[in-house]
């Protein structure tokens, strides 16, 4: 059975590198602070160029999935030009 997009584990060929990069990003922005005392959250998306299956590997420093869904929806709206829309119905 296939998993839904985003539900599968990180592909093995990206696991070590993504963990290393995620750790470096977290230390860069948050120092030694951990848990709810951290000030900066992040998401790292990694995908193979040329892939046509929609697979994207995902790692964060503990962001809540519901918050990320809201973030991605807002980003998509911005990417699609929503902030440029005028208030004329």
N, C-alpha and C. Protein backbone atom coordinates (compact mmCIF):
# COMPACT_ATOMS: atom_id res chain seq x y z
N UNK A 1 0.85 -1.19 0.00
CA UNK A 1 0.00 0.00 0.00
C UNK A 1 0.89 1.24 0.00
N UNK A 2 0.62 2.18 -0.87
CA UNK A 2 1.42 3.40 -0.91
C UNK A 2 0.97 4.36 0.18
N UNK A 3 1.89 5.21 0.58
CA UNK A 3 1.57 6.21 1.60
C UNK A 3 1.11 7.49 0.93
N UNK A 4 0.39 8.29 1.69
CA UNK A 4 0.01 9.60 1.17
C UNK A 4 1.24 10.48 1.11
N UNK A 5 1.23 11.46 0.24
CA UNK A 5 2.34 12.38 0.10
C UNK A 5 2.63 13.00 1.47
N UNK A 6 3.86 12.92 1.89
CA UNK A 6 4.25 13.49 3.17
C UNK A 6 4.14 12.53 4.33
N UNK A 7 3.53 11.37 4.14
CA UNK A 7 3.37 10.43 5.24
C UNK A 7 4.48 9.39 5.31
N UNK A 8 5.23 9.23 4.24
CA UNK A 8 6.28 8.23 4.22
C UNK A 8 7.50 8.72 4.96
N UNK A 9 8.35 7.79 5.37
CA UNK A 9 9.60 8.19 6.01
C UNK A 9 10.54 8.84 5.01
N UNK A 10 11.53 9.53 5.53
CA UNK A 10 12.55 10.12 4.67
C UNK A 10 13.21 8.99 3.89
N UNK A 11 13.42 9.20 2.61
CA UNK A 11 14.08 8.19 1.79
C UNK A 11 15.48 7.93 2.36
N UNK A 12 15.86 6.66 2.45
CA UNK A 12 17.14 6.30 3.10
C UNK A 12 18.34 7.06 2.55
N UNK A 13 18.37 7.34 1.27
CA UNK A 13 19.53 8.02 0.69
C UNK A 13 19.65 9.48 1.11
N UNK A 14 18.59 10.03 1.74
CA UNK A 14 18.62 11.42 2.22
C UNK A 14 18.64 11.53 3.74
N UNK A 15 18.45 10.44 4.45
CA UNK A 15 18.24 10.47 5.89
C UNK A 15 19.41 11.10 6.66
N UNK A 16 20.61 10.61 6.48
CA UNK A 16 21.75 11.11 7.24
C UNK A 16 22.00 12.60 6.96
N UNK A 17 21.95 12.97 5.68
CA UNK A 17 22.20 14.36 5.31
C UNK A 17 21.11 15.29 5.84
N UNK A 18 19.86 14.86 5.75
CA UNK A 18 18.78 15.72 6.24
C UNK A 18 18.85 15.89 7.74
N UNK A 19 19.17 14.83 8.47
CA UNK A 19 19.33 14.97 9.92
C UNK A 19 20.48 15.91 10.26
N UNK A 20 21.60 15.80 9.53
CA UNK A 20 22.75 16.68 9.78
C UNK A 20 22.42 18.13 9.49
N UNK A 21 21.75 18.38 8.35
CA UNK A 21 21.38 19.75 7.99
C UNK A 21 20.37 20.31 8.99
N UNK A 22 19.38 19.50 9.37
CA UNK A 22 18.38 19.95 10.33
C UNK A 22 19.02 20.32 11.67
N UNK A 23 19.95 19.50 12.11
CA UNK A 23 20.66 19.79 13.36
C UNK A 23 21.44 21.09 13.25
N UNK A 24 22.12 21.29 12.13
CA UNK A 24 22.90 22.51 11.94
C UNK A 24 22.01 23.75 11.89
N UNK A 25 20.87 23.64 11.21
CA UNK A 25 19.93 24.77 11.15
C UNK A 25 19.42 25.10 12.55
N UNK A 26 19.04 24.07 13.30
CA UNK A 26 18.51 24.29 14.64
C UNK A 26 19.54 24.96 15.54
N UNK A 27 20.77 24.48 15.51
CA UNK A 27 21.83 25.07 16.34
C UNK A 27 22.12 26.50 15.89
N UNK A 28 22.11 26.75 14.58
CA UNK A 28 22.38 28.09 14.06
C UNK A 28 21.35 29.10 14.58
N UNK A 29 20.09 28.72 14.55
CA UNK A 29 19.04 29.65 14.96
C UNK A 29 18.71 29.62 16.44
N UNK A 30 18.89 28.47 17.09
CA UNK A 30 18.43 28.31 18.47
C UNK A 30 19.54 27.99 19.47
N UNK A 31 20.77 27.86 19.00
CA UNK A 31 21.86 27.54 19.92
C UNK A 31 21.61 26.21 20.60
N UNK A 32 21.79 26.19 21.90
CA UNK A 32 21.59 24.95 22.66
C UNK A 32 20.18 24.85 23.23
N UNK A 33 19.34 25.85 22.96
CA UNK A 33 17.97 25.85 23.46
C UNK A 33 17.18 24.73 22.79
N UNK A 34 16.38 24.02 23.56
CA UNK A 34 15.59 22.92 23.03
C UNK A 34 14.13 23.07 23.46
N UNK A 35 13.28 22.30 22.83
CA UNK A 35 11.86 22.25 23.21
C UNK A 35 11.15 23.58 23.00
N UNK A 36 10.18 23.87 23.85
CA UNK A 36 9.34 25.06 23.66
C UNK A 36 10.08 26.38 23.87
N UNK A 37 11.29 26.34 24.40
CA UNK A 37 12.06 27.57 24.60
C UNK A 37 12.74 28.06 23.32
N UNK A 38 12.75 27.23 22.28
CA UNK A 38 13.36 27.66 21.01
C UNK A 38 12.57 28.83 20.45
N UNK A 39 13.27 29.70 19.76
CA UNK A 39 12.65 30.90 19.18
C UNK A 39 12.33 30.75 17.70
N UNK A 40 13.02 29.83 17.00
CA UNK A 40 12.86 29.73 15.55
C UNK A 40 12.52 28.29 15.17
N UNK A 41 11.44 28.14 14.43
CA UNK A 41 11.09 26.84 13.88
C UNK A 41 11.47 26.81 12.41
N UNK A 42 11.66 25.63 11.87
CA UNK A 42 11.99 25.53 10.46
C UNK A 42 11.46 24.23 9.88
N UNK A 43 11.39 24.22 8.56
CA UNK A 43 11.01 23.04 7.79
C UNK A 43 12.02 22.91 6.66
N UNK A 44 12.51 21.70 6.45
CA UNK A 44 13.41 21.41 5.35
C UNK A 44 12.71 20.42 4.43
N UNK A 45 12.59 20.79 3.17
CA UNK A 45 12.01 19.92 2.15
C UNK A 45 13.12 19.54 1.19
N UNK A 46 13.19 18.28 0.85
CA UNK A 46 14.24 17.78 -0.02
C UNK A 46 13.63 16.81 -1.03
N UNK A 47 13.94 17.01 -2.31
CA UNK A 47 13.38 16.15 -3.34
C UNK A 47 14.41 15.95 -4.43
N UNK A 48 14.36 14.82 -5.11
CA UNK A 48 15.28 14.59 -6.22
C UNK A 48 14.82 15.37 -7.46
N UNK A 49 15.74 16.12 -8.05
CA UNK A 49 15.41 16.80 -9.30
C UNK A 49 15.02 15.77 -10.35
N UNK A 50 14.04 16.12 -11.14
CA UNK A 50 13.63 15.24 -12.22
C UNK A 50 12.62 14.18 -11.82
N UNK A 51 12.35 14.03 -10.52
CA UNK A 51 11.38 13.03 -10.09
C UNK A 51 9.99 13.45 -10.55
N UNK A 52 9.17 12.49 -10.92
CA UNK A 52 7.82 12.81 -11.40
C UNK A 52 6.74 12.20 -10.51
N UNK A 53 7.14 11.62 -9.38
CA UNK A 53 6.16 10.96 -8.51
C UNK A 53 5.65 11.87 -7.39
N UNK A 54 6.13 13.10 -7.32
CA UNK A 54 5.66 14.03 -6.30
C UNK A 54 6.28 13.80 -4.93
N UNK A 55 7.26 12.93 -4.84
CA UNK A 55 7.88 12.61 -3.55
C UNK A 55 8.70 13.78 -3.05
N UNK A 56 8.49 14.14 -1.79
CA UNK A 56 9.25 15.20 -1.15
C UNK A 56 9.54 14.76 0.28
N UNK A 57 10.81 14.78 0.66
CA UNK A 57 11.21 14.43 2.01
C UNK A 57 11.09 15.67 2.89
N UNK A 58 10.72 15.47 4.13
CA UNK A 58 10.35 16.55 5.03
C UNK A 58 10.96 16.32 6.40
N UNK A 59 11.54 17.37 6.99
CA UNK A 59 12.01 17.30 8.36
C UNK A 59 11.86 18.70 8.97
N UNK A 60 11.56 18.76 10.25
CA UNK A 60 11.46 20.04 10.95
C UNK A 60 12.05 19.88 12.34
N UNK A 61 12.10 20.97 13.06
CA UNK A 61 12.59 20.90 14.43
C UNK A 61 11.43 20.86 15.42
N UNK A 62 10.39 20.16 15.06
CA UNK A 62 9.30 19.94 15.99
C UNK A 62 8.05 20.74 15.71
N UNK A 63 7.95 21.32 14.52
CA UNK A 63 6.77 22.10 14.19
C UNK A 63 5.53 21.21 14.17
N UNK A 64 4.43 21.75 14.63
CA UNK A 64 3.16 21.03 14.64
C UNK A 64 2.63 20.94 13.21
N UNK A 65 2.20 19.76 12.80
CA UNK A 65 1.73 19.55 11.43
C UNK A 65 0.58 20.49 11.07
N UNK A 66 -0.33 20.76 12.00
CA UNK A 66 -1.44 21.67 11.71
C UNK A 66 -0.94 23.08 11.41
N UNK A 67 0.09 23.53 12.15
CA UNK A 67 0.67 24.84 11.88
C UNK A 67 1.34 24.87 10.51
N UNK A 68 1.99 23.77 10.15
CA UNK A 68 2.65 23.72 8.85
C UNK A 68 1.63 23.72 7.72
N UNK A 69 0.51 23.05 7.90
CA UNK A 69 -0.55 23.07 6.89
C UNK A 69 -1.01 24.50 6.66
N UNK A 70 -1.25 25.24 7.75
CA UNK A 70 -1.67 26.64 7.62
C UNK A 70 -0.58 27.47 6.94
N UNK A 71 0.68 27.25 7.32
CA UNK A 71 1.79 27.96 6.71
C UNK A 71 1.87 27.70 5.21
N UNK A 72 1.80 26.41 4.81
CA UNK A 72 1.90 26.07 3.40
C UNK A 72 0.74 26.65 2.60
N UNK A 73 -0.46 26.65 3.17
CA UNK A 73 -1.61 27.24 2.47
C UNK A 73 -1.39 28.73 2.26
N UNK A 74 -0.87 29.42 3.28
CA UNK A 74 -0.61 30.84 3.14
C UNK A 74 0.48 31.10 2.11
N UNK A 75 1.52 30.28 2.12
CA UNK A 75 2.60 30.44 1.15
C UNK A 75 2.11 30.20 -0.28
N UNK A 76 1.29 29.18 -0.46
CA UNK A 76 0.75 28.90 -1.79
C UNK A 76 -0.07 30.09 -2.28
N UNK A 77 -0.89 30.65 -1.40
CA UNK A 77 -1.69 31.82 -1.77
C UNK A 77 -0.78 32.98 -2.20
N UNK A 78 0.31 33.18 -1.48
CA UNK A 78 1.26 34.25 -1.85
C UNK A 78 1.93 33.94 -3.18
N UNK A 79 2.37 32.68 -3.34
CA UNK A 79 3.03 32.29 -4.59
C UNK A 79 2.09 32.47 -5.78
N UNK A 80 0.80 32.26 -5.57
CA UNK A 80 -0.17 32.38 -6.65
C UNK A 80 -0.65 33.81 -6.84
N UNK A 81 -0.10 34.75 -6.06
CA UNK A 81 -0.41 36.16 -6.26
C UNK A 81 -1.54 36.72 -5.45
N UNK A 82 -2.03 36.00 -4.46
CA UNK A 82 -3.16 36.52 -3.68
C UNK A 82 -2.89 37.90 -3.08
N UNK A 83 -1.69 38.19 -2.54
CA UNK A 83 -1.49 39.52 -1.98
C UNK A 83 -1.60 40.63 -3.01
N UNK A 84 -1.44 40.27 -4.29
CA UNK A 84 -1.52 41.27 -5.35
C UNK A 84 -2.96 41.52 -5.78
N UNK A 85 -3.89 40.75 -5.25
CA UNK A 85 -5.29 40.91 -5.64
C UNK A 85 -5.83 42.21 -5.08
N UNK A 86 -6.71 42.86 -5.83
CA UNK A 86 -7.35 44.10 -5.40
C UNK A 86 -8.69 43.75 -4.76
N UNK A 87 -9.17 44.60 -3.89
CA UNK A 87 -10.42 44.38 -3.19
C UNK A 87 -11.65 44.76 -3.99
N UNK A 88 -11.74 44.31 -5.20
CA UNK A 88 -12.90 44.61 -6.06
C UNK A 88 -13.64 43.31 -6.35
N UNK A 89 -14.84 43.22 -5.86
CA UNK A 89 -15.63 42.01 -6.10
C UNK A 89 -16.45 42.13 -7.35
